[in-house]
C-alpha atoms as a PDB file:
ATOM      1  CA  MET A   1     -13.401 -61.932 -16.693  1.00  0.00           C
ATOM      2  CA  ARG A   2     -10.598 -60.847 -18.945  1.00  0.00           C
ATOM      3  CA  ARG A   3     -10.836 -64.108 -20.765  1.00  0.00           C
ATOM      4  CA  SER A   4     -14.582 -63.691 -21.445  1.00  0.00           C
ATOM      5  CA  VAL A   5     -13.976 -60.137 -22.804  1.00  0.00           C
ATOM      6  CA  GLN A   6     -11.248 -61.483 -25.075  1.00  0.00           C
ATOM      7  CA  HIS A   7     -13.508 -64.338 -26.078  1.00  0.00           C
ATOM      8  CA  TRP A   8     -16.356 -61.917 -26.783  1.00  0.00           C
ATOM      9  CA  LEU A   9     -14.060 -59.609 -28.814  1.00  0.00           C
ATOM     10  CA  GLY A  10     -12.726 -62.589 -30.751  1.00  0.00           C
ATOM     11  CA  MET A  11     -16.234 -63.785 -31.618  1.00  0.00           C
ATOM     12  CA  ARG A  12     -17.220 -60.248 -32.604  1.00  0.00           C
ATOM     13  CA  TRP A  13     -14.256 -60.003 -35.008  1.00  0.00           C
ATOM     14  CA  GLU A  14     -15.022 -63.433 -36.436  1.00  0.00           C
ATOM     15  CA  ARG A  15     -18.622 -62.385 -37.146  1.00  0.00           C
ATOM     16  CA  LEU A  16     -17.436 -59.119 -38.662  1.00  0.00           C
ATOM     17  CA  PHE A  17     -14.982 -60.910 -40.970  1.00  0.00           C
ATOM     18  CA  ALA A  18     -17.572 -63.539 -41.863  1.00  0.00           C
ATOM     19  CA  ASP A  19     -20.037 -60.775 -42.696  1.00  0.00           C
ATOM     20  CA  LEU A  20     -17.464 -58.955 -44.839  1.00  0.00           C
ATOM     21  CA  GLU A  21     -16.564 -62.197 -46.590  1.00  0.00           C
ATOM     22  CA  GLY A  22     -20.251 -62.874 -47.279  1.00  0.00           C
ATOM     23  CA  GLN A  23     -20.688 -59.371 -48.716  1.00  0.00           C
ATOM     24  CA  ALA A  24     -17.639 -59.845 -50.949  1.00  0.00           C
ATOM     25  CA  GLU A  25     -18.987 -63.184 -52.234  1.00  0.00           C
ATOM     26  CA  ALA A  26     -22.394 -61.638 -52.937  1.00  0.00           C
ATOM     27  CA  ALA A  27     -20.761 -58.755 -54.816  1.00  0.00           C
ATOM     28  CA  GLU A  28     -18.731 -61.259 -56.880  1.00  0.00           C
ATOM     29  CA  GLN A  29     -21.856 -63.229 -57.727  1.00  0.00           C
ATOM     30  CA  LEU A  30     -23.639 -60.049 -58.818  1.00  0.00           C
ATOM     31  CA  ALA A  31     -20.651 -59.050 -60.959  1.00  0.00           C
ATOM     32  CA  ARG A  32     -20.605 -62.511 -62.584  1.00  0.00           C
ATOM     33  CA  ALA A  33     -24.354 -62.357 -63.190  1.00  0.00           C
ATOM     34  CA  ASP A  34     -23.979 -58.903 -64.780  1.00  0.00           C
ATOM     35  CA  GLU A  35     -21.151 -60.203 -66.979  1.00  0.00           C
ATOM     36  CA  VAL A  36     -23.215 -63.215 -68.080  1.00  0.00           C
ATOM     37  CA  ALA A  37     -26.225 -60.988 -68.797  1.00  0.00           C
ATOM     38  CA  ASP A  38     -24.024 -58.624 -70.808  1.00  0.00           C
ATOM     39  CA  ARG A  39     -22.601 -61.518 -72.849  1.00  0.00           C
ATOM     40  CA  VAL A  40     -26.112 -62.841 -73.502  1.00  0.00           C
ATOM     41  CA  ARG A  41     -27.212 -59.376 -74.701  1.00  0.00           C
ATOM     42  CA  GLN A  42     -24.178 -59.155 -76.988  1.00  0.00           C
ATOM     43  CA  GLU A  43     -24.886 -62.612 -78.398  1.00  0.00           C
ATOM     44  CA  LEU A  44     -28.560 -61.790 -78.979  1.00  0.00           C
ATOM     45  CA  ALA A  45     -27.571 -58.582 -80.759  1.00  0.00           C
ATOM     46  CA  ARG A  46     -25.835 -60.690 -83.435  1.00  0.00           C
ATOM     47  CA  ARG A  47     -28.844 -62.959 -84.098  1.00  0.00           C
ATOM     48  CA  THR A  48     -31.195 -62.286 -87.003  1.00  0.00           C
ATOM     49  CA  VAL A  49     -34.751 -63.409 -87.639  1.00  0.00           C
ATOM     50  CA  ALA A  50     -33.320 -65.775 -90.272  1.00  0.00           C
ATOM     51  CA  ASP A  51     -31.025 -67.333 -87.618  1.00  0.00           C
ATOM     52  CA  ARG A  52     -34.032 -67.956 -85.399  1.00  0.00           C
ATOM     53  CA  LEU A  53     -36.092 -69.307 -88.296  1.00  0.00           C
ATOM     54  CA  ARG A  54     -33.280 -71.719 -89.235  1.00  0.00           C
ATOM     55  CA  ALA A  55     -33.424 -73.070 -85.672  1.00  0.00           C
ATOM     56  CA  ALA A  56     -37.197 -73.496 -86.091  1.00  0.00           C
ATOM     57  CA  ILE A  57     -37.180 -75.838 -89.114  1.00  0.00           C
ATOM     58  CA  GLY A  58     -40.223 -78.102 -88.681  1.00  0.00           C
ATOM     59  CA  VAL A  59     -41.800 -75.880 -86.021  1.00  0.00           C
ATOM     60  CA  PRO A  60     -45.369 -74.606 -86.571  1.00  0.00           C
ATOM     61  CA  ILE A  61     -45.591 -70.800 -86.518  1.00  0.00           C
ATOM     62  CA  ASP A  62     -48.018 -68.017 -87.363  1.00  0.00           C
ATOM     63  CA  VAL A  63     -46.697 -65.249 -89.595  1.00  0.00           C
ATOM     64  CA  THR A  64     -48.225 -61.785 -89.884  1.00  0.00           C
ATOM     65  CA  LEU A  65     -47.385 -60.158 -93.209  1.00  0.00           C
ATOM     66  CA  ASP A  66     -47.266 -56.516 -94.178  1.00  0.00           C
ATOM     67  CA  GLY A  67     -50.644 -55.819 -95.802  1.00  0.00           C
ATOM     68  CA  ALA A  68     -51.262 -59.468 -96.657  1.00  0.00           C
ATOM     69  CA  GLY A  69     -52.728 -60.825 -93.433  1.00  0.00           C
ATOM     70  CA  GLY A  70     -51.429 -63.958 -91.824  1.00  0.00           C
ATOM     71  CA  LEU A  71     -50.245 -67.425 -92.701  1.00  0.00           C
ATOM     72  CA  ALA A  72     -49.811 -70.478 -90.508  1.00  0.00           C
ATOM     73  CA  GLY A  73     -47.542 -73.409 -91.222  1.00  0.00           C
ATOM     74  CA  ARG A  74     -44.241 -75.109 -90.499  1.00  0.00           C
ATOM     75  CA  VAL A  75     -40.882 -73.584 -91.334  1.00  0.00           C
ATOM     76  CA  ALA A  76     -39.490 -75.846 -94.068  1.00  0.00           C
ATOM     77  CA  GLN A  77     -36.490 -73.935 -95.381  1.00  0.00           C
ATOM     78  CA  VAL A  78     -34.804 -70.561 -94.914  1.00  0.00           C
ATOM     79  CA  GLY A  79     -32.712 -68.767 -97.512  1.00  0.00           C
ATOM     80  CA  ASP A  80     -31.257 -65.317 -97.922  1.00  0.00           C
ATOM     81  CA  GLY A  81     -34.279 -63.055 -97.383  1.00  0.00           C
ATOM     82  CA  TRP A  82     -37.006 -65.726 -97.559  1.00  0.00           C
ATOM     83  CA  MET A  83     -38.483 -68.780 -95.912  1.00  0.00           C
ATOM     84  CA  LEU A  84     -40.625 -71.620 -97.174  1.00  0.00           C
ATOM     85  CA  LEU A  85     -43.698 -72.243 -95.056  1.00  0.00           C
ATOM     86  CA  THR A  86     -45.469 -75.588 -95.545  1.00  0.00           C
ATOM     87  CA  ARG A  87     -49.117 -75.326 -94.675  1.00  0.00           C
ATOM     88  CA  GLU A  88     -51.705 -77.936 -93.765  1.00  0.00           C
ATOM     89  CA  ARG A  89     -54.529 -75.696 -94.907  1.00  0.00           C
ATOM     90  CA  GLY A  90     -53.713 -74.024 -98.161  1.00  0.00           C
ATOM     91  CA  PRO A  91     -50.769 -73.983-100.514  1.00  0.00           C
ATOM     92  CA  ASP A  92     -47.154 -73.737 -99.399  1.00  0.00           C
ATOM     93  CA  ALA A  93     -45.820 -70.194 -99.273  1.00  0.00           C
ATOM     94  CA  LEU A  94     -42.516 -68.560-100.119  1.00  0.00           C
ATOM     95  CA  VAL A  95     -42.473 -65.684 -97.610  1.00  0.00           C
ATOM     96  CA  LEU A  96     -40.195 -62.683 -98.024  1.00  0.00           C
ATOM     97  CA  LEU A  97     -38.607 -61.953 -94.646  1.00  0.00           C
ATOM     98  CA  SER A  98     -38.802 -58.215 -95.286  1.00  0.00           C
ATOM     99  CA  ALA A  99     -42.622 -58.501 -95.389  1.00  0.00           C
ATOM    100  CA  ILE A 100     -42.896 -60.150 -91.969  1.00  0.00           C
ATOM    101  CA  ARG A 101     -44.487 -57.937 -89.319  1.00  0.00           C
ATOM    102  CA  GLY A 102     -44.701 -60.572 -86.611  1.00  0.00           C
ATOM    103  CA  LEU A 103     -44.019 -64.210 -85.803  1.00  0.00           C
ATOM    104  CA  ARG A 104     -45.880 -66.229 -83.203  1.00  0.00           C
ATOM    105  CA  GLY A 105     -44.605 -69.591 -81.964  1.00  0.00           C
ATOM    106  CA  LEU A 106     -40.994 -68.995 -82.994  1.00  0.00           C
ATOM    107  CA  VAL A 107     -38.510 -70.872 -80.824  1.00  0.00           C
ATOM    108  CA  VAL A 108     -36.159 -68.810 -78.661  1.00  0.00           C
ATOM    109  CA  ALA A 109     -33.112 -70.700 -79.928  1.00  0.00           C
ATOM    110  CA  ALA A 110     -31.147 -69.477 -82.916  1.00  0.00           C
ATOM    111  CA  VAL A 111     -28.453 -71.012 -85.035  1.00  0.00           C
ATOM    112  CA  GLU A 112     -25.004 -69.465 -84.880  1.00  0.00           C
ATOM    113  CA  PRO A 113     -24.816 -66.560 -87.352  1.00  0.00           C
ATOM    114  CA  GLY A 114     -22.928 -67.545 -90.472  1.00  0.00           C
ATOM    115  CA  THR A 115     -23.584 -71.281 -90.068  1.00  0.00           C
ATOM    116  CA  ALA A 116     -26.409 -71.476 -92.603  1.00  0.00           C
ATOM    117  CA  GLY A 117     -24.099 -73.146 -95.062  1.00  0.00           C
ATOM    118  CA  ARG A 118     -22.869 -71.790 -98.342  1.00  0.00           C
ATOM    119  CA  MET A 119     -25.795 -73.094-100.360  1.00  0.00           C
ATOM    120  CA  ALA A 120     -28.499 -71.641 -98.098  1.00  0.00           C
ATOM    121  CA  ALA A 121     -26.662 -68.324 -97.900  1.00  0.00           C
ATOM    122  CA  ARG A 122     -26.561 -68.126-101.716  1.00  0.00           C
ATOM    123  CA  LEU A 123     -30.213 -69.001-102.201  1.00  0.00           C
ATOM    124  CA  SER A 124     -31.582 -65.487-102.489  1.00  0.00           C
ATOM    125  CA  VAL A 125     -35.188 -64.499-103.090  1.00  0.00           C
ATOM    126  CA  ALA A 126     -34.386 -64.236-106.814  1.00  0.00           C
ATOM    127  CA  HIS A 127     -33.000 -67.804-106.849  1.00  0.00           C
ATOM    128  CA  ALA A 128     -36.069 -69.194-105.094  1.00  0.00           C
ATOM    129  CA  LEU A 129     -38.396 -67.341-107.485  1.00  0.00           C
ATOM    130  CA  ARG A 130     -36.389 -68.577-110.495  1.00  0.00           C
ATOM    131  CA  LEU A 131     -36.944 -72.165-109.329  1.00  0.00           C
ATOM    132  CA  ILE A 132     -40.688 -71.497-109.222  1.00  0.00           C
ATOM    133  CA  ALA A 133     -40.588 -69.800-112.660  1.00  0.00           C
ATOM    134  CA  ARG A 134     -38.622 -72.702-114.167  1.00  0.00           C
ATOM    135  CA  ASP A 135     -41.298 -75.088-112.879  1.00  0.00           C
ATOM    136  CA  ARG A 136     -44.000 -73.023-114.672  1.00  0.00           C
ATOM    137  CA  SER A 137     -46.292 -73.607-111.687  1.00  0.00           C
ATOM    138  CA  PRO A 138     -49.260 -71.319-111.197  1.00  0.00           C
ATOM    139  CA  VAL A 139     -48.859 -69.012-108.208  1.00  0.00           C
ATOM    140  CA  THR A 140     -50.768 -66.427-106.253  1.00  0.00           C
ATOM    141  CA  LEU A 141     -48.842 -63.341-105.188  1.00  0.00           C
ATOM    142  CA  LEU A 142     -49.807 -61.687-101.941  1.00  0.00           C
ATOM    143  CA  HIS A 143     -48.986 -58.004-102.319  1.00  0.00           C
ATOM    144  CA  ARG A 144     -48.052 -55.872 -99.348  1.00  0.00           C
ATOM    145  CA  ASP A 145     -50.991 -53.598-100.229  1.00  0.00           C
ATOM    146  CA  HIS A 146     -53.662 -56.329 -99.752  1.00  0.00           C
ATOM    147  CA  GLU A 147     -53.881 -57.136-103.483  1.00  0.00           C
ATOM    148  CA  THR A 148     -53.517 -60.658-104.826  1.00  0.00           C
ATOM    149  CA  LEU A 149     -52.399 -61.582-108.331  1.00  0.00           C
ATOM    150  CA  SER A 150     -52.558 -65.052-109.858  1.00  0.00           C
ATOM    151  CA  GLY A 151     -50.651 -66.404-112.812  1.00  0.00           C
ATOM    152  CA  THR A 152     -47.310 -67.842-113.782  1.00  0.00           C
ATOM    153  CA  ILE A 153     -43.958 -66.247-113.087  1.00  0.00           C
ATOM    154  CA  ASP A 154     -42.549 -65.656-116.559  1.00  0.00           C
ATOM    155  CA  ARG A 155     -39.269 -63.886-115.783  1.00  0.00           C
ATOM    156  CA  VAL A 156     -37.247 -63.088-112.680  1.00  0.00           C
ATOM    157  CA  GLY A 157     -34.908 -60.120-112.659  1.00  0.00           C
ATOM    158  CA  ALA A 158     -32.539 -58.945-109.977  1.00  0.00           C
ATOM    159  CA  ASP A 159     -35.331 -57.290-107.988  1.00  0.00           C
ATOM    160  CA  TYR A 160     -38.598 -57.977-109.834  1.00  0.00           C
ATOM    161  CA  ILE A 161     -40.732 -60.663-111.446  1.00  0.00           C
ATOM    162  CA  ASP A 162     -42.974 -60.623-114.497  1.00  0.00           C
ATOM    163  CA  LEU A 163     -46.240 -62.405-113.741  1.00  0.00           C
ATOM    164  CA  VAL A 164     -48.451 -63.551-116.613  1.00  0.00           C
ATOM    165  CA  ALA A 165     -52.096 -64.377-115.967  1.00  0.00           C
ATOM    166  CA  ARG A 166     -52.379 -67.625-117.936  1.00  0.00           C
ATOM    167  CA  PRO A 167     -52.697 -71.338-117.285  1.00  0.00           C
ATOM    168  CA  ALA A 168     -49.417 -73.055-116.467  1.00  0.00           C
ATOM    169  CA  GLU A 169     -49.686 -75.560-119.339  1.00  0.00           C
ATOM    170  CA  ARG A 170     -49.740 -72.879-122.070  1.00  0.00           C
ATOM    171  CA  SER A 171     -46.462 -72.367-123.833  1.00  0.00           C
ATOM    172  CA  ARG A 172     -44.494 -69.120-123.585  1.00  0.00           C
ATOM    173  CA  ARG A 173     -44.700 -68.855-127.351  1.00  0.00           C
ATOM    174  CA  VAL A 174     -48.488 -68.710-127.354  1.00  0.00           C
ATOM    175  CA  ALA A 175     -49.850 -65.186-127.283  1.00  0.00           C
ATOM    176  CA  SER A 176     -50.915 -64.383-123.772  1.00  0.00           C
ATOM    177  CA  SER A 177     -52.104 -61.522-121.690  1.00  0.00           C
ATOM    178  CA  VAL A 178     -49.704 -58.748-120.809  1.00  0.00           C
ATOM    179  CA  SER A 179     -47.396 -59.484-117.929  1.00  0.00           C
ATOM    180  CA  THR A 180     -47.386 -57.496-114.722  1.00  0.00           C
ATOM    181  CA  THR A 181     -43.989 -56.494-113.396  1.00  0.00           C
ATOM    182  CA  VAL A 182     -43.861 -56.685-109.622  1.00  0.00           C
ATOM    183  CA  PRO A 183     -40.827 -55.497-107.607  1.00  0.00           C
ATOM    184  CA  PHE A 184     -39.713 -57.870-104.841  1.00  0.00           C
ATOM    185  CA  GLU A 185     -40.316 -55.128-102.278  1.00  0.00           C
ATOM    186  CA  ALA A 186     -44.049 -55.211-103.137  1.00  0.00           C
ATOM    187  CA  ILE A 187     -44.342 -58.978-102.565  1.00  0.00           C
ATOM    188  CA  ALA A 188     -45.280 -60.353 -99.151  1.00  0.00           C
ATOM    189  CA  ALA A 189     -45.545 -64.022-100.161  1.00  0.00           C
ATOM    190  CA  VAL A 190     -45.862 -66.317-103.159  1.00  0.00           C
ATOM    191  CA  LEU A 191     -48.381 -69.140-102.729  1.00  0.00           C
ATOM    192  CA  ALA A 192     -47.965 -72.322-104.759  1.00  0.00           C
ATOM    193  CA  GLY A 193     -50.832 -73.349-107.015  1.00  0.00           C
END
């Protein structure tokens, strides 16, 4: 009888220690899961919309713009404060990131912050607009207040453009209508053609 009591006590202690060990392992797993979740939150806190857009090159998305409605297309390029959206229906669009109110279809992935490359990081909105102005291509500006303006970008300043309503083939030297100065902050997107 003594042996069965000792046996029973031994089994009881074994179960107790096994239970305690199981609880300790579960607590460790929860702590690791909390640590991983915290690291993921910290990593996400460093990501920008531009980082996510850079990871979405070639991906079709829908963009909702401040006061200018929506555009659908594929992310073609992302610079400092802008993205180029190539569209199947309608002209390509240079979209100012500050005008974006929503993105649908954007991939969850993001590129590592600071890995955009020196050239992409230096291609500001002003640089992109200067390339369009140099080309003398006709454009349509989508204002953030629902207005649209069409013409040719004549000059690009640090934070504004001068838009002249005239055909692209006319020379700068030919008398033309008065230009409209539009601050970058008023522009939602610039549509080619």
